[in-house]
């Protein structure tokens, strides 16, 4: 038999263990992302940005101006602000 407090603690520990971890990007991959981003900004092209979230990866498509350590992805649904640390792919 378990106390309700223990059951909740075990459930919380299980949720923390099952959370997705952000992938570690290599220096080469980061340079590739930066090059693709610079090209898109210079040529004013839309890009496909893959953003890591603990639940699932989110893909945004649109033009991307950079402001400091964040991207502002202008999509057809509006503008989304994304931290550069959360970006795992740019095409």
PDB file of N, CA and C in Angstrom:
ATOM      1  N   UNK A   1       0.840  -1.168   0.000  1.00  0.00           N
ATOM      2  CA  UNK A   1       0.000   0.000   0.000  1.00  0.00           C
ATOM      3  C   UNK A   1       0.897   1.247   0.000  1.00  0.00           C
ATOM      4  N   UNK A   2       0.468   2.267  -0.754  1.00  0.00           N
ATOM      5  CA  UNK A   2       1.241   3.497  -0.863  1.00  0.00           C
ATOM      6  C   UNK A   2       0.430   4.685  -0.380  1.00  0.00           C
ATOM      7  N   UNK A   3       1.122   5.619   0.212  1.00  0.00           N
ATOM      8  CA  UNK A   3       0.476   6.871   0.597  1.00  0.00           C
ATOM      9  C   UNK A   3       0.266   7.730  -0.651  1.00  0.00           C
ATOM     10  N   UNK A   4      -0.765   8.538  -0.685  1.00  0.00           N
ATOM     11  CA  UNK A   4      -1.015   9.398  -1.851  1.00  0.00           C
ATOM     12  C   UNK A   4       0.169  10.315  -2.171  1.00  0.00           C
ATOM     13  N   UNK A   5       0.867  10.796  -1.129  1.00  0.00           N
ATOM     14  CA  UNK A   5       2.030  11.673  -1.353  1.00  0.00           C
ATOM     15  C   UNK A   5       3.129  10.922  -2.101  1.00  0.00           C
ATOM     16  N   UNK A   6       3.333   9.671  -1.746  1.00  0.00           N
ATOM     17  CA  UNK A   6       4.363   8.868  -2.397  1.00  0.00           C
ATOM     18  C   UNK A   6       3.985   8.563  -3.844  1.00  0.00           C
ATOM     19  N   UNK A   7       2.713   8.278  -4.057  1.00  0.00           N
ATOM     20  CA  UNK A   7       2.239   7.992  -5.411  1.00  0.00           C
ATOM     21  C   UNK A   7       2.460   9.209  -6.315  1.00  0.00           C
ATOM     22  N   UNK A   8       2.133  10.406  -5.797  1.00  0.00           N
ATOM     23  CA  UNK A   8       2.322  11.640  -6.579  1.00  0.00           C
ATOM     24  C   UNK A   8       3.810  11.890  -6.844  1.00  0.00           C
ATOM     25  N   UNK A   9       4.655  11.664  -5.856  1.00  0.00           N
ATOM     26  CA  UNK A   9       6.095  11.842  -6.023  1.00  0.00           C
ATOM     27  C   UNK A   9       6.641  10.884  -7.081  1.00  0.00           C
ATOM     28  N   UNK A  10       6.196   9.632  -7.050  1.00  0.00           N
ATOM     29  CA  UNK A  10       6.647   8.658  -8.053  1.00  0.00           C
ATOM     30  C   UNK A  10       6.171   9.053  -9.449  1.00  0.00           C
ATOM     31  N   UNK A  11       4.952   9.550  -9.564  1.00  0.00           N
ATOM     32  CA  UNK A  11       4.435  10.000 -10.862  1.00  0.00           C
ATOM     33  C   UNK A  11       5.239  11.186 -11.379  1.00  0.00           C
ATOM     34  N   UNK A  12       5.592  12.108 -10.483  1.00  0.00           N
ATOM     35  CA  UNK A  12       6.391  13.279 -10.872  1.00  0.00           C
ATOM     36  C   UNK A  12       7.785  12.854 -11.340  1.00  0.00           C
ATOM     37  N   UNK A  13       8.409  11.927 -10.630  1.00  0.00           N
ATOM     38  CA  UNK A  13       9.726  11.430 -11.034  1.00  0.00           C
ATOM     39  C   UNK A  13       9.667  10.752 -12.400  1.00  0.00           C
ATOM     40  N   UNK A  14       8.620   9.997 -12.642  1.00  0.00           N
ATOM     41  CA  UNK A  14       8.447   9.327 -13.933  1.00  0.00           C
ATOM     42  C   UNK A  14       8.291  10.344 -15.056  1.00  0.00           C
ATOM     43  N   UNK A  15       7.514  11.413 -14.821  1.00  0.00           N
ATOM     44  CA  UNK A  15       7.343  12.461 -15.835  1.00  0.00           C
ATOM     45  C   UNK A  15       8.668  13.134 -16.153  1.00  0.00           C
ATOM     46  N   UNK A  16       9.472  13.408 -15.127  1.00  0.00           N
ATOM     47  CA  UNK A  16      10.767  14.057 -15.336  1.00  0.00           C
ATOM     48  C   UNK A  16      11.715  13.158 -16.117  1.00  0.00           C
ATOM     49  N   UNK A  17      11.692  11.865 -15.853  1.00  0.00           N
ATOM     50  CA  UNK A  17      12.567  10.931 -16.566  1.00  0.00           C
ATOM     51  C   UNK A  17      12.173  10.798 -18.034  1.00  0.00           C
ATOM     52  N   UNK A  18      10.877  10.881 -18.304  1.00  0.00           N
ATOM     53  CA  UNK A  18      10.412  10.667 -19.671  1.00  0.00           C
ATOM     54  C   UNK A  18      10.449  11.938 -20.529  1.00  0.00           C
ATOM     55  N   UNK A  19      10.791  13.072 -19.943  1.00  0.00           N
ATOM     56  CA  UNK A  19      10.887  14.313 -20.719  1.00  0.00           C
ATOM     57  C   UNK A  19      11.996  14.203 -21.753  1.00  0.00           C
ATOM     58  N   UNK A  20      11.730  14.757 -22.908  1.00  0.00           N
ATOM     59  CA  UNK A  20      12.739  14.758 -23.965  1.00  0.00           C
ATOM     60  C   UNK A  20      13.874  15.703 -23.613  1.00  0.00           C
ATOM     61  N   UNK A  21      15.054  15.320 -23.993  1.00  0.00           N
ATOM     62  CA  UNK A  21      16.235  16.154 -23.786  1.00  0.00           C
ATOM     63  C   UNK A  21      16.601  16.812 -25.115  1.00  0.00           C
ATOM     64  N   UNK A  22      17.057  18.058 -25.082  1.00  0.00           N
ATOM     65  CA  UNK A  22      17.451  18.710 -26.339  1.00  0.00           C
ATOM     66  C   UNK A  22      18.678  18.018 -26.931  1.00  0.00           C
ATOM     67  N   UNK A  23      18.722  17.893 -28.252  1.00  0.00           N
ATOM     68  CA  UNK A  23      19.887  17.257 -28.866  1.00  0.00           C
ATOM     69  C   UNK A  23      21.118  18.161 -28.763  1.00  0.00           C
ATOM     70  N   UNK A  24      22.267  17.546 -28.656  1.00  0.00           N
ATOM     71  CA  UNK A  24      23.520  18.303 -28.621  1.00  0.00           C
ATOM     72  C   UNK A  24      23.987  18.501 -30.062  1.00  0.00           C
ATOM     73  N   UNK A  25      24.097  19.742 -30.493  1.00  0.00           N
ATOM     74  CA  UNK A  25      24.534  20.033 -31.855  1.00  0.00           C
ATOM     75  C   UNK A  25      26.043  20.166 -31.894  1.00  0.00           C
ATOM     76  N   UNK A  26      26.649  19.572 -32.900  1.00  0.00           N
ATOM     77  CA  UNK A  26      28.096  19.672 -33.067  1.00  0.00           C
ATOM     78  C   UNK A  26      28.444  21.053 -33.603  1.00  0.00           C
ATOM     79  N   UNK A  27      29.704  21.421 -33.493  1.00  0.00           N
ATOM     80  CA  UNK A  27      30.165  22.712 -34.022  1.00  0.00           C
ATOM     81  C   UNK A  27      29.898  22.789 -35.517  1.00  0.00           C
ATOM     82  N   UNK A  28      30.113  21.677 -36.216  1.00  0.00           N
ATOM     83  CA  UNK A  28      29.882  21.641 -37.659  1.00  0.00           C
ATOM     84  C   UNK A  28      28.412  21.886 -37.987  1.00  0.00           C
ATOM     85  N   UNK A  29      27.521  21.250 -37.231  1.00  0.00           N
ATOM     86  CA  UNK A  29      26.085  21.424 -37.459  1.00  0.00           C
ATOM     87  C   UNK A  29      25.655  22.862 -37.149  1.00  0.00           C
ATOM     88  N   UNK A  30      26.207  23.454 -36.089  1.00  0.00           N
ATOM     89  CA  UNK A  30      25.875  24.832 -35.742  1.00  0.00           C
ATOM     90  C   UNK A  30      26.357  25.799 -36.818  1.00  0.00           C
ATOM     91  N   UNK A  31      27.538  25.541 -37.375  1.00  0.00           N
ATOM     92  CA  UNK A  31      28.055  26.385 -38.453  1.00  0.00           C
ATOM     93  C   UNK A  31      27.164  26.266 -39.688  1.00  0.00           C
ATOM     94  N   UNK A  32      26.688  25.056 -39.967  1.00  0.00           N
ATOM     95  CA  UNK A  32      25.802  24.826 -41.103  1.00  0.00           C
ATOM     96  C   UNK A  32      24.481  25.592 -40.926  1.00  0.00           C
ATOM     97  N   UNK A  33      23.927  25.544 -39.720  1.00  0.00           N
ATOM     98  CA  UNK A  33      22.692  26.279 -39.431  1.00  0.00           C
ATOM     99  C   UNK A  33      22.902  27.782 -39.592  1.00  0.00           C
ATOM    100  N   UNK A  34      24.029  28.270 -39.100  1.00  0.00           N
ATOM    101  CA  UNK A  34      24.330  29.705 -39.195  1.00  0.00           C
ATOM    102  C   UNK A  34      24.486  30.126 -40.655  1.00  0.00           C
ATOM    103  N   UNK A  35      25.162  29.320 -41.448  1.00  0.00           N
ATOM    104  CA  UNK A  35      25.345  29.625 -42.866  1.00  0.00           C
ATOM    105  C   UNK A  35      23.993  29.680 -43.587  1.00  0.00           C
ATOM    106  N   UNK A  36      23.149  28.693 -43.342  1.00  0.00           N
ATOM    107  CA  UNK A  36      21.826  28.649 -43.967  1.00  0.00           C
ATOM    108  C   UNK A  36      20.998  29.859 -43.557  1.00  0.00           C
ATOM    109  N   UNK A  37      21.052  30.213 -42.286  1.00  0.00           N
ATOM    110  CA  UNK A  37      20.307  31.362 -41.783  1.00  0.00           C
ATOM    111  C   UNK A  37      20.811  32.664 -42.409  1.00  0.00           C
ATOM    112  N   UNK A  38      22.124  32.832 -42.485  1.00  0.00           N
ATOM    113  CA  UNK A  38      22.697  34.046 -43.087  1.00  0.00           C
ATOM    114  C   UNK A  38      22.304  34.171 -44.555  1.00  0.00           C
ATOM    115  N   UNK A  39      22.342  33.070 -45.282  1.00  0.00           N
ATOM    116  CA  UNK A  39      21.932  33.082 -46.686  1.00  0.00           C
ATOM    117  C   UNK A  39      20.474  33.495 -46.830  1.00  0.00           C
ATOM    118  N   UNK A  40      19.618  32.933 -45.997  1.00  0.00           N
ATOM    119  CA  UNK A  40      18.186  33.231 -46.071  1.00  0.00           C
ATOM    120  C   UNK A  40      17.908  34.700 -45.751  1.00  0.00           C
ATOM    121  N   UNK A  41      18.603  35.247 -44.765  1.00  0.00           N
ATOM    122  CA  UNK A  41      18.407  36.653 -44.407  1.00  0.00           C
ATOM    123  C   UNK A  41      18.905  37.550 -45.536  1.00  0.00           C
ATOM    124  N   UNK A  42      20.081  37.239 -46.068  1.00  0.00           N
ATOM    125  CA  UNK A  42      20.669  38.052 -47.132  1.00  0.00           C
ATOM    126  C   UNK A  42      19.811  38.036 -48.394  1.00  0.00           C
ATOM    127  N   UNK A  43      19.295  36.870 -48.754  1.00  0.00           N
ATOM    128  CA  UNK A  43      18.496  36.726 -49.976  1.00  0.00           C
ATOM    129  C   UNK A  43      17.006  36.931 -49.729  1.00  0.00           C
ATOM    130  N   UNK A  44      16.634  37.227 -48.478  1.00  0.00           N
ATOM    131  CA  UNK A  44      15.239  37.448 -48.089  1.00  0.00           C
ATOM    132  C   UNK A  44      14.341  36.285 -48.510  1.00  0.00           C
ATOM    133  N   UNK A  45      14.813  35.065 -48.214  1.00  0.00           N
ATOM    134  CA  UNK A  45      14.049  33.854 -48.518  1.00  0.00           C
ATOM    135  C   UNK A  45      13.375  33.327 -47.273  1.00  0.00           C
ATOM    136  N   UNK A  46      12.303  32.601 -47.485  1.00  0.00           N
ATOM    137  CA  UNK A  46      11.643  31.910 -46.377  1.00  0.00           C
ATOM    138  C   UNK A  46      12.436  30.648 -46.050  1.00  0.00           C
ATOM    139  N   UNK A  47      12.433  30.270 -44.799  1.00  0.00           N
ATOM    140  CA  UNK A  47      13.129  29.058 -44.357  1.00  0.00           C
ATOM    141  C   UNK A  47      12.183  28.197 -43.538  1.00  0.00           C
ATOM    142  N   UNK A  48      12.615  26.962 -43.338  1.00  0.00           N
ATOM    143  CA  UNK A  48      11.881  26.020 -42.498  1.00  0.00           C
ATOM    144  C   UNK A  48      12.731  25.834 -41.238  1.00  0.00           C
ATOM    145  N   UNK A  49      12.215  26.291 -40.089  1.00  0.00           N
ATOM    146  CA  UNK A  49      12.951  26.250 -38.830  1.00  0.00           C
ATOM    147  C   UNK A  49      12.350  25.160 -37.943  1.00  0.00           C
ATOM    148  N   UNK A  50      13.185  24.240 -37.490  1.00  0.00           N
ATOM    149  CA  UNK A  50      12.745  23.199 -36.568  1.00  0.00           C
ATOM    150  C   UNK A  50      13.172  23.612 -35.170  1.00  0.00           C
ATOM    151  N   UNK A  51      12.197  23.688 -34.261  1.00  0.00           N
ATOM    152  CA  UNK A  51      12.432  24.169 -32.907  1.00  0.00           C
ATOM    153  C   UNK A  51      12.172  23.022 -31.925  1.00  0.00           C
ATOM    154  N   UNK A  52      13.102  22.831 -30.987  1.00  0.00           N
ATOM    155  CA  UNK A  52      12.953  21.803 -29.956  1.00  0.00           C
ATOM    156  C   UNK A  52      12.018  22.309 -28.864  1.00  0.00           C
ATOM    157  N   UNK A  53      11.075  21.488 -28.466  1.00  0.00           N
ATOM    158  CA  UNK A  53      10.279  21.710 -27.259  1.00  0.00           C
ATOM    159  C   UNK A  53      10.247  20.381 -26.507  1.00  0.00           C
ATOM    160  N   UNK A  54      10.051  20.407 -25.199  1.00  0.00           N
ATOM    161  CA  UNK A  54      10.054  19.148 -24.439  1.00  0.00           C
ATOM    162  C   UNK A  54       9.011  18.132 -24.911  1.00  0.00           C
ATOM    163  N   UNK A  55       7.910  18.601 -25.480  1.00  0.00           N
ATOM    164  CA  UNK A  55       6.856  17.680 -25.923  1.00  0.00           C
ATOM    165  C   UNK A  55       7.139  17.100 -27.299  1.00  0.00           C
ATOM    166  N   UNK A  56       7.513  17.970 -28.266  1.00  0.00           N
ATOM    167  CA  UNK A  56       7.761  17.534 -29.643  1.00  0.00           C
ATOM    168  C   UNK A  56       8.480  18.637 -30.394  1.00  0.00           C
ATOM    169  N   UNK A  57       9.034  18.305 -31.556  1.00  0.00           N
ATOM    170  CA  UNK A  57       9.667  19.315 -32.397  1.00  0.00           C
ATOM    171  C   UNK A  57       8.589  20.084 -33.144  1.00  0.00           C
ATOM    172  N   UNK A  58       8.773  21.393 -33.261  1.00  0.00           N
ATOM    173  CA  UNK A  58       7.826  22.261 -33.944  1.00  0.00           C
ATOM    174  C   UNK A  58       8.515  22.811 -35.184  1.00  0.00           C
ATOM    175  N   UNK A  59       7.829  22.756 -36.329  1.00  0.00           N
ATOM    176  CA  UNK A  59       8.397  23.265 -37.581  1.00  0.00           C
ATOM    177  C   UNK A  59       7.640  24.531 -37.969  1.00  0.00           C
ATOM    178  N   UNK A  60       8.405  25.613 -38.176  1.00  0.00           N
ATOM    179  CA  UNK A  60       7.841  26.890 -38.597  1.00  0.00           C
ATOM    180  C   UNK A  60       8.404  27.228 -39.963  1.00  0.00           C
ATOM    181  N   UNK A  61       7.577  27.772 -40.834  1.00  0.00           N
ATOM    182  CA  UNK A  61       8.033  28.161 -42.171  1.00  0.00           C
ATOM    183  C   UNK A  61       7.719  29.636 -42.360  1.00  0.00           C
ATOM    184  N   UNK A  62       8.750  30.409 -42.728  1.00  0.00           N
ATOM    185  CA  UNK A  62       8.547  31.833 -42.966  1.00  0.00           C
ATOM    186  C   UNK A  62       9.866  32.572 -43.093  1.00  0.00           C
ATOM    187  N   UNK A  63       9.779  33.882 -43.184  1.00  0.00           N
ATOM    188  CA  UNK A  63      10.975  34.728 -43.247  1.00  0.00           C
ATOM    189  C   UNK A  63      11.503  34.916 -41.833  1.00  0.00           C
ATOM    190  N   UNK A  64      12.836  35.104 -41.727  1.00  0.00           N
ATOM    191  CA  UNK A  64      13.450  35.080 -40.401  1.00  0.00           C
ATOM    192  C   UNK A  64      14.422  36.234 -40.178  1.00  0.00           C
ATOM    193  N   UNK A  65      13.957  37.357 -39.626  1.00  0.00           N
ATOM    194  CA  UNK A  65      14.933  38.344 -39.157  1.00  0.00           C
ATOM    195  C   UNK A  65      15.448  37.934 -37.778  1.00  0.00           C
ATOM    196  N   UNK A  66      16.685  38.292 -37.470  1.00  0.00           N
ATOM    197  CA  UNK A  66      17.297  37.925 -36.186  1.00  0.00           C
ATOM    198  C   UNK A  66      17.396  39.168 -35.311  1.00  0.00           C
ATOM    199  N   UNK A  67      17.035  39.019 -34.043  1.00  0.00           N
ATOM    200  CA  UNK A  67      17.147  40.093 -33.062  1.00  0.00           C
ATOM    201  C   UNK A  67      17.865  39.541 -31.841  1.00  0.00           C
ATOM    202  N   UNK A  68      19.151  39.842 -31.706  1.00  0.00           N
ATOM    203  CA  UNK A  68      19.907  39.355 -30.552  1.00  0.00           C
ATOM    204  C   UNK A  68      20.011  37.844 -30.561  1.00  0.00           C
ATOM    205  N   UNK A  69      19.546  37.202 -29.490  1.00  0.00           N
ATOM    206  CA  UNK A  69      19.620  35.747 -29.348  1.00  0.00           C
ATOM    207  C   UNK A  69      18.291  35.075 -29.687  1.00  0.00           C
ATOM    208  N   UNK A  70      17.464  35.744 -30.519  1.00  0.00           N
ATOM    209  CA  UNK A  70      16.193  35.139 -30.892  1.00  0.00           C
ATOM    210  C   UNK A  70      15.869  35.408 -32.355  1.00  0.00           C
ATOM    211  N   UNK A  71      15.076  34.498 -32.903  1.00  0.00           N
ATOM    212  CA  UNK A  71      14.573  34.643 -34.266  1.00  0.00           C
ATOM    213  C   UNK A  71      13.124  35.079 -34.184  1.00  0.00           C
ATOM    214  N   UNK A  72      12.717  35.861 -35.133  1.00  0.00           N
ATOM    215  CA  UNK A  72      11.303  36.209 -35.261  1.00  0.00           C
ATOM    216  C   UNK A  72      10.847  35.630 -36.592  1.00  0.00           C
ATOM    217  N   UNK A  73      10.159  34.505 -36.530  1.00  0.00           N
ATOM    218  CA  UNK A  73       9.737  33.796 -37.730  1.00  0.00           C
ATOM    219  C   UNK A  73       8.376  34.353 -38.152  1.00  0.00           C
ATOM    220  N   UNK A  74       8.347  34.983 -39.310  1.00  0.00           N
ATOM    221  CA  UNK A  74       7.102  35.544 -39.832  1.00  0.00           C
ATOM    222  C   UNK A  74       6.424  34.502 -40.713  1.00  0.00           C
ATOM    223  N   UNK A  75       5.374  33.906 -40.187  1.00  0.00           N
ATOM    224  CA  UNK A  75       4.626  32.875 -40.913  1.00  0.00           C
ATOM    225  C   UNK A  75       3.304  33.469 -41.371  1.00  0.00           C
ATOM    226  N   UNK A  76       2.530  32.676 -42.084  1.00  0.00           N
ATOM    227  CA  UNK A  76       1.221  33.146 -42.526  1.00  0.00           C
ATOM    228  C   UNK A  76       0.281  33.332 -41.340  1.00  0.00           C
ATOM    229  N   UNK A  77       0.546  32.662 -40.236  1.00  0.00           N
ATOM    230  CA  UNK A  77      -0.287  32.759 -39.039  1.00  0.00           C
ATOM    231  C   UNK A  77       0.157  33.855 -38.083  1.00  0.00           C
ATOM    232  N   UNK A  78       1.177  34.612 -38.430  1.00  0.00           N
ATOM    233  CA  UNK A  78       1.674  35.671 -37.549  1.00  0.00           C
ATOM    234  C   UNK A  78       3.151  35.485 -37.262  1.00  0.00           C
ATOM    235  N   UNK A  79       3.661  36.279 -36.348  1.00  0.00           N
ATOM    236  CA  UNK A  79       5.085  36.234 -36.020  1.00  0.00           C
ATOM    237  C   UNK A  79       5.302  35.442 -34.738  1.00  0.00           C
ATOM    238  N   UNK A  80       6.270  34.519 -34.770  1.00  0.00           N
ATOM    239  CA  UNK A  80       6.622  33.701 -33.600  1.00  0.00           C
ATOM    240  C   UNK A  80       8.054  34.026 -33.199  1.00  0.00           C
ATOM    241  N   UNK A  81       8.290  34.195 -31.915  1.00  0.00           N
ATOM    242  CA  UNK A  81       9.626  34.458 -31.389  1.00  0.00           C
ATOM    243  C   UNK A  81      10.210  33.137 -30.913  1.00  0.00           C
ATOM    244  N   UNK A  82      11.437  32.829 -31.381  1.00  0.00           N
ATOM    245  CA  UNK A  82      12.095  31.562 -31.057  1.00  0.00           C
ATOM    246  C   UNK A  82      13.499  31.859 -30.548  1.00  0.00           C
ATOM    247  N   UNK A  83      13.860  31.263 -29.415  1.00  0.00           N
ATOM    248  CA  UNK A  83      15.228  31.408 -28.922  1.00  0.00           C
ATOM    249  C   UNK A  83      16.179  30.624 -29.825  1.00  0.00           C
ATOM    250  N   UNK A  84      17.326  31.212 -30.132  1.00  0.00           N
ATOM    251  CA  UNK A  84      18.304  30.529 -30.986  1.00  0.00           C
ATOM    252  C   UNK A  84      18.780  29.218 -30.358  1.00  0.00           C
ATOM    253  N   UNK A  85      18.813  29.148 -29.046  1.00  0.00           N
ATOM    254  CA  UNK A  85      19.245  27.924 -28.360  1.00  0.00           C
ATOM    255  C   UNK A  85      18.297  26.761 -28.588  1.00  0.00           C
ATOM    256  N   UNK A  86      17.043  27.046 -28.954  1.00  0.00           N
ATOM    257  CA  UNK A  86      16.052  26.004 -29.161  1.00  0.00           C
ATOM    258  C   UNK A  86      15.989  25.523 -30.612  1.00  0.00           C
ATOM    259  N   UNK A  87      16.686  26.205 -31.520  1.00  0.00           N
ATOM    260  CA  UNK A  87      16.653  25.830 -32.928  1.00  0.00           C
ATOM    261  C   UNK A  87      17.536  24.605 -33.140  1.00  0.00           C
ATOM    262  N   UNK A  88      16.964  23.570 -33.767  1.00  0.00           N
ATOM    263  CA  UNK A  88      17.746  22.352 -34.043  1.00  0.00           C
ATOM    264  C   UNK A  88      17.865  22.083 -35.532  1.00  0.00           C
ATOM    265  N   UNK A  89      17.211  22.894 -36.350  1.00  0.00           N
ATOM    266  CA  UNK A  89      17.313  22.698 -37.800  1.00  0.00           C
ATOM    267  C   UNK A  89      16.809  23.902 -38.571  1.00  0.00           C
ATOM    268  N   UNK A  90      17.502  24.212 -39.672  1.00  0.00           N
ATOM    269  CA  UNK A  90      17.078  25.274 -40.580  1.00  0.00           C
ATOM    270  C   UNK A  90      17.299  24.769 -41.995  1.00  0.00           C
ATOM    271  N   UNK A  91      16.264  24.839 -42.804  1.00  0.00           N
ATOM    272  CA  UNK A  91      16.370  24.398 -44.204  1.00  0.00           C
ATOM    273  C   UNK A  91      15.885  25.515 -45.099  1.00  0.00           C
TER     274      UNK A  91
END
